[in-house]
N, C-alpha and C. Protein backbone atom coordinates (compact mmCIF):
# COMPACT_ATOMS: atom_id res chain seq x y z
N MET A 1 -16.25 22.13 13.28
CA MET A 1 -15.88 21.32 12.28
C MET A 1 -14.88 21.64 11.72
N VAL A 2 -14.42 20.37 10.89
CA VAL A 2 -12.75 20.25 10.66
C VAL A 2 -12.36 19.94 9.47
N VAL A 3 -11.90 21.34 9.01
CA VAL A 3 -11.21 21.78 7.63
C VAL A 3 -10.22 20.69 7.14
N ARG A 4 -10.62 20.23 6.00
CA ARG A 4 -9.25 19.11 5.54
C ARG A 4 -8.26 19.84 4.51
N ARG A 5 -7.24 19.62 5.08
CA ARG A 5 -6.37 20.32 3.87
C ARG A 5 -5.32 19.73 3.49
N ARG A 6 -5.27 20.55 1.89
CA ARG A 6 -4.31 19.33 1.30
C ARG A 6 -3.18 19.39 1.05
N VAL A 7 -2.62 18.17 1.17
CA VAL A 7 -0.79 18.67 1.19
C VAL A 7 -0.54 18.64 0.03
N PHE A 8 -1.26 17.91 -0.46
CA PHE A 8 -0.43 17.38 -2.34
C PHE A 8 -0.66 18.18 -3.11
N GLY A 9 -1.25 18.46 -4.36
CA GLY A 9 -1.56 18.68 -5.09
C GLY A 9 -2.33 17.65 -6.06
N GLU A 10 -3.42 17.30 -7.00
CA GLU A 10 -3.88 16.30 -7.57
C GLU A 10 -2.66 15.54 -8.15
N ALA A 11 -1.77 16.16 -8.71
CA ALA A 11 -0.43 15.67 -9.48
C ALA A 11 0.13 14.56 -8.90
N GLU A 12 0.47 15.22 -7.92
CA GLU A 12 1.97 14.96 -6.78
C GLU A 12 1.12 13.93 -6.47
N GLN A 13 0.00 13.99 -5.86
CA GLN A 13 -0.38 12.91 -5.15
C GLN A 13 -0.70 11.65 -6.04
N ALA A 14 -1.17 12.24 -7.02
CA ALA A 14 -0.93 10.91 -8.20
C ALA A 14 0.08 10.08 -8.37
N GLU A 15 1.29 10.75 -8.51
CA GLU A 15 2.81 10.50 -8.96
C GLU A 15 3.18 9.81 -7.87
N LEU A 16 2.86 9.89 -6.51
CA LEU A 16 3.11 9.65 -5.24
C LEU A 16 2.42 7.62 -5.38
N LEU A 17 1.27 7.61 -5.72
CA LEU A 17 0.66 7.15 -4.93
C LEU A 17 1.03 6.48 -6.24
N GLY A 18 1.56 6.41 -7.47
CA GLY A 18 2.34 5.60 -8.55
C GLY A 18 3.35 4.94 -7.81
N THR A 19 3.84 6.05 -7.60
CA THR A 19 5.75 5.59 -7.19
C THR A 19 5.44 4.50 -5.46
N LEU A 20 4.48 4.52 -4.74
CA LEU A 20 4.07 4.17 -3.27
C LEU A 20 4.04 2.31 -4.10
N ALA A 21 2.83 2.25 -4.92
CA ALA A 21 2.26 1.50 -5.66
C ALA A 21 3.33 0.22 -6.42
N GLU A 22 4.60 0.64 -6.67
CA GLU A 22 5.67 0.30 -7.14
C GLU A 22 6.38 0.17 -6.18
N ALA A 23 7.26 0.47 -5.21
CA ALA A 23 7.12 0.08 -4.37
C ALA A 23 6.61 -1.28 -3.39
N ARG A 24 5.61 -0.43 -2.78
CA ARG A 24 4.59 -1.90 -2.25
C ARG A 24 4.39 -3.36 -2.95
N LYS A 25 4.55 -3.17 -4.56
CA LYS A 25 4.56 -4.09 -5.35
C LYS A 25 5.87 -4.97 -5.30
N ALA A 26 6.93 -4.44 -5.13
CA ALA A 26 8.19 -4.75 -5.06
C ALA A 26 8.77 -5.83 -3.72
N LEU A 27 8.02 -4.93 -2.72
CA LEU A 27 8.34 -5.51 -1.22
C LEU A 27 7.01 -6.79 -1.34
N VAL A 28 6.56 -6.93 -1.66
CA VAL A 28 5.71 -8.06 -1.25
C VAL A 28 6.24 -9.40 -2.49
N ARG A 29 6.70 -8.86 -3.46
CA ARG A 29 7.83 -10.28 -4.22
C ARG A 29 8.62 -10.50 -4.29
N ALA A 30 9.25 -9.69 -3.01
CA ALA A 30 10.50 -10.07 -2.01
C ALA A 30 10.44 -10.94 -1.16
N ALA A 31 8.81 -10.14 -0.24
CA ALA A 31 8.59 -10.97 1.16
C ALA A 31 8.12 -12.51 0.67
N GLU A 32 7.71 -12.67 -0.77
CA GLU A 32 7.37 -13.79 -0.70
C GLU A 32 8.35 -14.98 -0.99
N GLY A 33 9.76 -14.71 -0.81
CA GLY A 33 10.88 -15.23 -1.07
C GLY A 33 11.26 -15.65 0.34
N LEU A 34 10.99 -14.73 1.13
CA LEU A 34 11.91 -14.77 2.51
C LEU A 34 11.64 -16.06 3.19
N PRO A 35 11.90 -16.16 4.20
CA PRO A 35 11.54 -17.05 5.37
C PRO A 35 9.73 -16.20 5.91
N ARG A 36 8.97 -17.21 6.39
CA ARG A 36 8.30 -16.37 6.91
C ARG A 36 8.50 -15.73 8.53
N ARG A 37 9.80 -16.25 8.86
CA ARG A 37 9.82 -15.98 10.29
C ARG A 37 10.81 -15.01 10.87
N SER A 38 11.93 -14.84 9.48
CA SER A 38 13.32 -13.53 9.59
C SER A 38 12.66 -12.25 9.76
N VAL A 39 13.77 -11.77 10.36
CA VAL A 39 14.20 -10.54 10.56
C VAL A 39 13.43 -9.02 8.96
N ALA A 40 13.58 -9.86 7.94
CA ALA A 40 13.42 -9.39 6.82
C ALA A 40 12.37 -9.06 5.98
N ARG A 41 11.62 -10.13 6.45
CA ARG A 41 10.95 -10.56 5.94
C ARG A 41 9.69 -9.34 7.05
N ALA A 42 9.51 -9.61 8.69
CA ALA A 42 9.02 -8.66 9.13
C ALA A 42 9.20 -7.52 8.71
N GLY A 43 10.72 -6.38 8.35
CA GLY A 43 10.82 -5.43 8.23
C GLY A 43 10.09 -5.48 6.86
N ALA A 44 10.57 -6.17 5.91
CA ALA A 44 9.25 -5.66 4.40
C ALA A 44 8.32 -5.78 4.54
N ASP A 45 6.88 -6.63 5.49
CA ASP A 45 5.87 -6.48 5.97
C ASP A 45 5.62 -5.40 6.83
N GLN A 46 6.52 -4.94 7.64
CA GLN A 46 6.02 -3.59 8.14
C GLN A 46 5.98 -2.62 7.22
N VAL A 47 7.08 -2.26 6.75
CA VAL A 47 7.19 -1.51 5.48
C VAL A 47 5.82 -1.45 4.13
N VAL A 48 5.33 -2.83 4.15
CA VAL A 48 3.93 -2.59 3.51
C VAL A 48 2.43 -1.95 4.10
N ALA A 49 2.85 -2.11 5.53
CA ALA A 49 1.85 -1.67 6.27
C ALA A 49 1.71 -0.40 6.21
N ASN A 50 2.78 0.32 6.23
CA ASN A 50 3.25 1.62 6.60
C ASN A 50 2.39 2.43 4.76
N ILE A 51 2.85 1.47 3.80
CA ILE A 51 2.57 2.26 2.73
C ILE A 51 1.16 2.03 2.79
N ASP A 52 0.35 0.79 3.10
CA ASP A 52 -0.79 1.19 3.36
C ASP A 52 -1.70 2.27 4.04
N GLU A 53 -0.88 2.79 5.10
CA GLU A 53 -1.06 3.82 6.02
C GLU A 53 -1.24 5.39 4.87
N LEU A 54 0.33 4.91 4.44
CA LEU A 54 0.24 6.21 3.37
C LEU A 54 -1.12 6.42 2.42
N ALA A 55 -1.66 5.50 2.66
CA ALA A 55 -2.46 5.35 0.79
C ALA A 55 -3.62 5.71 1.87
N PHE A 56 -4.27 5.37 2.95
CA PHE A 56 -5.26 5.97 4.01
C PHE A 56 -4.97 7.07 3.94
N LEU A 57 -4.20 8.11 4.14
CA LEU A 57 -3.96 9.27 4.33
C LEU A 57 -4.00 10.02 2.91
N LEU A 58 -3.69 9.76 2.24
CA LEU A 58 -3.68 10.46 0.71
C LEU A 58 -5.29 10.04 -0.07
N THR A 59 -5.77 9.06 0.42
CA THR A 59 -7.18 8.54 -0.35
C THR A 59 -8.00 8.16 0.80
N GLY A 60 -8.02 8.05 2.10
CA GLY A 60 -8.83 7.24 2.27
C GLY A 60 -9.46 5.86 2.80
N SER A 61 -8.41 5.34 2.07
CA SER A 61 -8.60 3.67 1.74
C SER A 61 -7.40 3.02 2.19
N ARG A 62 -7.31 2.44 3.16
CA ARG A 62 -5.98 1.34 4.00
C ARG A 62 -5.73 0.42 2.43
N GLU A 63 -6.78 0.07 2.17
CA GLU A 63 -7.44 -1.19 0.63
C GLU A 63 -6.83 -0.66 -0.38
N HIS A 64 -6.43 0.69 -0.40
CA HIS A 64 -6.16 1.36 -2.14
C HIS A 64 -5.72 0.24 -2.44
N PHE A 65 -4.52 -0.12 -2.76
CA PHE A 65 -3.34 -0.82 -3.40
C PHE A 65 -3.77 -2.25 -2.98
N TRP A 66 -4.80 -2.91 -2.22
CA TRP A 66 -5.23 -3.98 -1.85
C TRP A 66 -5.49 -4.83 -4.04
N GLU A 67 -4.80 -5.78 -4.32
CA GLU A 67 -5.49 -6.20 -5.52
C GLU A 67 -7.00 -7.04 -4.80
N PRO A 68 -7.93 -7.04 -6.34
CA PRO A 68 -9.71 -7.55 -5.44
C PRO A 68 -9.52 -8.50 -5.23
N GLN A 69 -10.39 -9.47 -4.73
CA GLN A 69 -10.39 -11.10 -4.34
C GLN A 69 -10.85 -11.73 -5.87
N HIS A 70 -10.32 -13.12 -5.84
CA HIS A 70 -11.10 -13.86 -6.36
C HIS A 70 -12.84 -14.07 -6.53
N ALA A 71 -13.25 -14.33 -7.17
CA ALA A 71 -14.39 -15.17 -6.80
C ALA A 71 -14.30 -15.99 -7.64
N THR A 72 -15.26 -17.12 -6.85
CA THR A 72 -15.64 -18.58 -7.09
C THR A 72 -16.87 -18.14 -8.68
N PRO A 73 -17.10 -18.38 -9.64
CA PRO A 73 -18.02 -18.31 -10.28
C PRO A 73 -19.74 -19.12 -10.17
N GLY A 74 -20.31 -18.23 -10.41
CA GLY A 74 -21.69 -18.31 -10.43
C GLY A 74 -22.01 -17.95 -8.08
N GLU A 75 -20.83 -16.96 -7.45
CA GLU A 75 -21.19 -16.91 -6.29
C GLU A 75 -21.49 -15.20 -6.31
């Protein structure tokens, strides 16, 4: 059996997740204004992917920061 040891306390983890959420939102907003095939856009996208990987390590979900999907009424 594998024992998982916490690296961060709950308060530290919550603070880190909050900071990562702000950084991720800022990167997504910035990337929207960059050309799709630019080096800057690729760099921003890679950092967002890395933030999602950190979220997976901390929460068990790579989709922790993702916005909920929009649903069509009646579906």
